[in-house]
Amino acid sequence: MFVPSVTNPIGDFVRNLVPQVTAYLPVAFQSETLDSVVAFLINAVICIIAVCAVNIGSAPILIYMERKVCAHVQCRLGPMRLGWHGTIQTIADVLKMLFKEVYAPSGADKLMFYTAPLIVLIAPFMVCALIPFSKDLVVADVSMGIPLIIAVNGFGVLGILLGGWSSNNKYSLLGALRSGAQIISYEISFAMILLFVVMISGSTNLMDITMSQQGTVFDWWIFKIPVLGFIAFILFFISSTAEMNRAPFDIAEAEQELTGGYHTEYNGTPFAMFYLAEYIALVTNSALATTCFLGGFHAPCIGFAPVDNVLNMVPGLVWFFGKVFFMIWCYMMVRWTFVRPRVDQLMDFEWKFLLPVNLVLLTAGAAWIAISG
């Protein structure tokens, strides 16, 4: 029998409903195993729909949000024509990309060309399935969650390399090679920061990491370890920005040098999938930062009972998405504030600064654990 590690009202409802429905089947077909399998499959479909709804549904909101953040940072208006303050502009853009003609260059490898956008989407969707959105809302409560995220996160670079290589375009190939070098380099620092979280929390399970931050704001890992937690958070923010190919670390798409980078030859729906993958990665990395450093779905309690009681009345899901959107806003502010470094400066920053700092941070974290017990 399939017994979930984390139960929730929807899953429990399905598991209770299925035996009532199968009771009308002939006796030969009735069994607990059949009920368990059917309930598991129904819940699996519900989980897939939920993950797709969170990721795909958030993309139009984030596109509109980014345009407005960019506009306010750079003293512009942003979209204003369609709908109130341009709220329908994103819908119009989505429809335009969906109905545009899809074609590939004559010398392109068609199979790899159209497979690449699908591969890029796999990594953020799988990471999203591991994130605990609330105490009883997590798709896959995996005991080795952090190692799985580190393994899956590097999968997206394969799609970028295939997209640039299969396009039969030198600009695309250069953009793909730049992106591969950048992502592979910064994933080392990204993985080391997650290992730091594993070390101080004592678990690789994302739910356990979240529960280890239960209490007040000062029990969140960003504050729980003096200075080191905040440094780890900043390093995570920098490495995840580079790992997502977002400005100012978007050397793979530098318009002044490479036209559009690895997706120069893409149009219509395949281009929309690359675009969608970037925003889904933005959501998943913000959710990962929230889970590892900002207390996850826990309320920002301050240790004063009357205030904490009111804060705890708000559902954990609301607190979680509030923190996620705060992180998304931070990523967007950085994108539209700082200038893009040169390729050599970006790689030097990782290998000569970020990586040594991460090694020192891991050593300091181990010393803190040994001293504090």
Foldseek 3Di string as FASTA:
>chain_A
DDDDPFADPVLVVLLVVQLVVCVPPPPVPDDPVVSVVVSVVVVLVVLLVVLCCVQVVCLLVLVQVLQCLLCVVVVHQGAPDPPHSNSCVSVVVLVCLQPDDWDADPQFPVVLQLVLLVQLQVLLSVLQQQFALARRDHNDQDQQNLVVNLVSLLRNLVSQCSLLVRRPDPLLNVLSVLLNVQQVLLSVLLSLLLVLLCVLQVGNTLSSLLVQQPDAQCSFQCNVDPPLSVVSLVLNLVSLCSNLCFPLNVPQQPCVPRVGHNCNRGGRPSVVSNSSSSSSSLLSSLLVSCSRGRSNLHFNHDPDVVVNVVRVVDGSSVVNVVSSVVSSSVSSNRRSPDHHDDSVVSSCCRPVPSVVVSVVSSVVSVVCVVVVD
